[in-house]
Amino acid sequence: NRILYVTDAGQALHFEQVFSIGKLSGLVPPDVSLEHVPFGLVQGEDGKKFKTRSGETVKLVDLLTEALRRAREDVKKRLEAEGRDETDEFVESVSAAVGIGAVKYADLAMNRQSNY
């Protein structure tokens, strides 16, 4: 039995203490493993930590919309430069693959514990 808590690295001491109290108090059975899985801080352009409770973070839907917009713009420029005429469906399909792919790559290319 294993329970993972995935939060930013700044919570490490908190979880170490909570896990110890849980084990010492008997609230957590001896056969249960409590583990903190830390990740780096998500930061704004100013390098400051995003504060999710304040509601001032970038929403995923907005990030994806912007990625799609930029990819679509780039695809259209490339097609124009090559003198190609493609369907709207083609442009949207390529834009989605490139835009969403870029967001996935940017997230997965980072070391999990690095701030980004």
C-alpha atoms as a PDB file:
ATOM      1  CA  ASN A   1       0.000   0.000   0.000  1.00  0.00           C
ATOM      2  CA  ARG A   2       1.459   3.284  -1.130  1.00  0.00           C
ATOM      3  CA  ILE A   3       0.125   6.834  -0.995  1.00  0.00           C
ATOM      4  CA  LEU A   4       1.835   9.519  -3.066  1.00  0.00           C
ATOM      5  CA  TYR A   5       1.483  13.253  -2.432  1.00  0.00           C
ATOM      6  CA  VAL A   6       2.527  15.249  -5.487  1.00  0.00           C
ATOM      7  CA  THR A   7       3.228  18.886  -4.596  1.00  0.00           C
ATOM      8  CA  ASP A   8       5.960  21.459  -5.041  1.00  0.00           C
ATOM      9  CA  ALA A   9       9.317  20.843  -3.396  1.00  0.00           C
ATOM     10  CA  GLY A  10       8.681  23.610  -0.866  1.00  0.00           C
ATOM     11  CA  GLN A  11       6.218  21.331   0.924  1.00  0.00           C
ATOM     12  CA  ALA A  12       8.826  18.651   1.738  1.00  0.00           C
ATOM     13  CA  LEU A  13       9.255  19.509   5.433  1.00  0.00           C
ATOM     14  CA  HIS A  14       5.486  19.768   5.936  1.00  0.00           C
ATOM     15  CA  PHE A  15       4.885  16.292   4.525  1.00  0.00           C
ATOM     16  CA  GLU A  16       7.830  14.793   6.410  1.00  0.00           C
ATOM     17  CA  GLN A  17       6.257  16.056   9.641  1.00  0.00           C
ATOM     18  CA  VAL A  18       2.709  14.982   8.725  1.00  0.00           C
ATOM     19  CA  PHE A  19       3.889  11.503   7.727  1.00  0.00           C
ATOM     20  CA  SER A  20       5.836  11.132  10.996  1.00  0.00           C
ATOM     21  CA  ILE A  21       2.858  12.185  13.103  1.00  0.00           C
ATOM     22  CA  GLY A  22       0.579   9.860  11.148  1.00  0.00           C
ATOM     23  CA  LYS A  23       2.866   6.898  11.748  1.00  0.00           C
ATOM     24  CA  LEU A  24       3.618   7.730  15.418  1.00  0.00           C
ATOM     25  CA  SER A  25      -0.064   8.271  16.234  1.00  0.00           C
ATOM     26  CA  GLY A  26      -1.129   5.019  14.617  1.00  0.00           C
ATOM     27  CA  LEU A  27      -3.424   6.790  12.158  1.00  0.00           C
ATOM     28  CA  VAL A  28      -1.363   5.358   9.304  1.00  0.00           C
ATOM     29  CA  PRO A  29      -1.018   1.571   9.385  1.00  0.00           C
ATOM     30  CA  PRO A  30       2.568   0.234   9.414  1.00  0.00           C
ATOM     31  CA  ASP A  31       2.122  -1.420   6.005  1.00  0.00           C
ATOM     32  CA  VAL A  32       1.208   1.896   4.326  1.00  0.00           C
ATOM     33  CA  SER A  33       3.965   3.920   2.683  1.00  0.00           C
ATOM     34  CA  LEU A  34       3.442   7.687   2.582  1.00  0.00           C
ATOM     35  CA  GLU A  35       5.649   9.417   0.017  1.00  0.00           C
ATOM     36  CA  HIS A  36       6.089  12.998  -1.077  1.00  0.00           C
ATOM     37  CA  VAL A  37       6.800  13.364  -4.801  1.00  0.00           C
ATOM     38  CA  PRO A  38       8.179  16.891  -5.224  1.00  0.00           C
ATOM     39  CA  PHE A  39       8.144  18.968  -8.369  1.00  0.00           C
ATOM     40  CA  GLY A  40       9.625  22.365  -9.187  1.00  0.00           C
ATOM     41  CA  LEU A  41       7.738  25.609  -8.878  1.00  0.00           C
ATOM     42  CA  VAL A  42       5.671  26.897 -11.749  1.00  0.00           C
ATOM     43  CA  GLN A  43       6.718  30.502 -12.190  1.00  0.00           C
ATOM     44  CA  GLY A  44       5.364  33.505 -14.022  1.00  0.00           C
ATOM     45  CA  GLU A  45       7.322  35.555 -16.542  1.00  0.00           C
ATOM     46  CA  ASP A  46       8.620  37.644 -13.637  1.00  0.00           C
ATOM     47  CA  GLY A  47      10.206  34.537 -12.064  1.00  0.00           C
ATOM     48  CA  LYS A  48       7.854  34.608  -9.074  1.00  0.00           C
ATOM     49  CA  LYS A  49       5.928  31.556  -7.921  1.00  0.00           C
ATOM     50  CA  PHE A  50       2.399  31.225  -9.292  1.00  0.00           C
ATOM     51  CA  LYS A  51      -0.088  31.596  -6.460  1.00  0.00           C
ATOM     52  CA  THR A  52      -2.986  29.356  -7.405  1.00  0.00           C
ATOM     53  CA  ARG A  53      -5.208  30.518  -4.576  1.00  0.00           C
ATOM     54  CA  SER A  54      -5.075  34.125  -5.756  1.00  0.00           C
ATOM     55  CA  GLY A  55      -6.571  33.136  -9.104  1.00  0.00           C
ATOM     56  CA  GLU A  56      -3.872  35.027 -11.004  1.00  0.00           C
ATOM     57  CA  THR A  57      -2.376  32.012 -12.775  1.00  0.00           C
ATOM     58  CA  VAL A  58      -2.623  31.213 -16.462  1.00  0.00           C
ATOM     59  CA  LYS A  59      -5.453  28.778 -17.042  1.00  0.00           C
ATOM     60  CA  LEU A  60      -4.687  25.665 -19.094  1.00  0.00           C
ATOM     61  CA  VAL A  61      -7.436  26.459 -21.584  1.00  0.00           C
ATOM     62  CA  ASP A  62      -5.864  29.884 -22.188  1.00  0.00           C
ATOM     63  CA  LEU A  63      -2.403  28.358 -22.626  1.00  0.00           C
ATOM     64  CA  LEU A  64      -3.713  25.818 -25.134  1.00  0.00           C
ATOM     65  CA  THR A  65      -5.729  28.455 -27.006  1.00  0.00           C
ATOM     66  CA  GLU A  66      -2.604  30.605 -27.340  1.00  0.00           C
ATOM     67  CA  ALA A  67      -0.524  27.609 -28.457  1.00  0.00           C
ATOM     68  CA  LEU A  68      -3.087  26.802 -31.141  1.00  0.00           C
ATOM     69  CA  ARG A  69      -3.238  30.428 -32.278  1.00  0.00           C
ATOM     70  CA  ARG A  70       0.537  30.658 -32.618  1.00  0.00           C
ATOM     71  CA  ALA A  71       0.800  27.313 -34.378  1.00  0.00           C
ATOM     72  CA  ARG A  72      -1.995  28.234 -36.796  1.00  0.00           C
ATOM     73  CA  GLU A  73      -0.279  31.537 -37.575  1.00  0.00           C
ATOM     74  CA  ASP A  74       3.020  29.745 -38.202  1.00  0.00           C
ATOM     75  CA  VAL A  75       1.458  27.042 -40.393  1.00  0.00           C
ATOM     76  CA  LYS A  76      -0.268  29.667 -42.539  1.00  0.00           C
ATOM     77  CA  LYS A  77       2.993  31.629 -42.954  1.00  0.00           C
ATOM     78  CA  ARG A  78       4.879  28.499 -43.967  1.00  0.00           C
ATOM     79  CA  LEU A  79       2.211  27.464 -46.460  1.00  0.00           C
ATOM     80  CA  GLU A  80       2.213  30.963 -47.965  1.00  0.00           C
ATOM     81  CA  ALA A  81       6.016  30.988 -48.194  1.00  0.00           C
ATOM     82  CA  GLU A  82       5.903  27.622 -49.989  1.00  0.00           C
ATOM     83  CA  GLY A  83       3.080  28.752 -52.274  1.00  0.00           C
ATOM     84  CA  ARG A  84       0.864  25.930 -51.039  1.00  0.00           C
ATOM     85  CA  ASP A  85      -2.911  26.054 -50.796  1.00  0.00           C
ATOM     86  CA  GLU A  86      -4.291  23.646 -48.201  1.00  0.00           C
ATOM     87  CA  THR A  87      -7.775  23.083 -46.784  1.00  0.00           C
ATOM     88  CA  ASP A  88      -8.913  24.636 -43.513  1.00  0.00           C
ATOM     89  CA  GLU A  89      -9.115  21.108 -42.107  1.00  0.00           C
ATOM     90  CA  PHE A  90      -5.452  20.529 -42.953  1.00  0.00           C
ATOM     91  CA  VAL A  91      -4.405  23.812 -41.334  1.00  0.00           C
ATOM     92  CA  GLU A  92      -6.414  23.058 -38.189  1.00  0.00           C
ATOM     93  CA  SER A  93      -5.118  19.485 -37.963  1.00  0.00           C
ATOM     94  CA  VAL A  94      -1.468  20.508 -38.297  1.00  0.00           C
ATOM     95  CA  SER A  95      -1.965  23.488 -35.970  1.00  0.00           C
ATOM     96  CA  ALA A  96      -3.476  21.253 -33.287  1.00  0.00           C
ATOM     97  CA  ALA A  97      -0.674  18.684 -33.566  1.00  0.00           C
ATOM     98  CA  VAL A  98       2.033  21.348 -33.427  1.00  0.00           C
ATOM     99  CA  GLY A  99       0.416  23.587 -30.790  1.00  0.00           C
ATOM    100  CA  ILE A 100      -0.590  20.873 -28.327  1.00  0.00           C
ATOM    101  CA  GLY A 101       2.631  18.980 -29.030  1.00  0.00           C
ATOM    102  CA  ALA A 102       4.682  22.066 -28.189  1.00  0.00           C
ATOM    103  CA  VAL A 103       2.923  22.451 -24.828  1.00  0.00           C
ATOM    104  CA  LYS A 104       3.446  18.771 -23.999  1.00  0.00           C
ATOM    105  CA  TYR A 105       7.094  18.925 -25.015  1.00  0.00           C
ATOM    106  CA  ALA A 106       7.726  22.076 -22.975  1.00  0.00           C
ATOM    107  CA  ASP A 107       6.244  20.405 -19.900  1.00  0.00           C
ATOM    108  CA  LEU A 108       7.868  16.988 -20.294  1.00  0.00           C
ATOM    109  CA  ALA A 109      11.293  18.263 -21.397  1.00  0.00           C
ATOM    110  CA  MET A 110      11.925  19.806 -17.987  1.00  0.00           C
ATOM    111  CA  ASN A 111      13.406  17.943 -15.044  1.00  0.00           C
ATOM    112  CA  ARG A 112      10.446  17.294 -12.731  1.00  0.00           C
ATOM    113  CA  GLN A 113      12.171  18.993  -9.821  1.00  0.00           C
ATOM    114  CA  SER A 114      13.349  22.084 -11.716  1.00  0.00           C
ATOM    115  CA  ASN A 115      11.462  25.348 -11.471  1.00  0.00           C
ATOM    116  CA  TYR A 116       9.867  26.428 -14.698  1.00  0.00           C
END
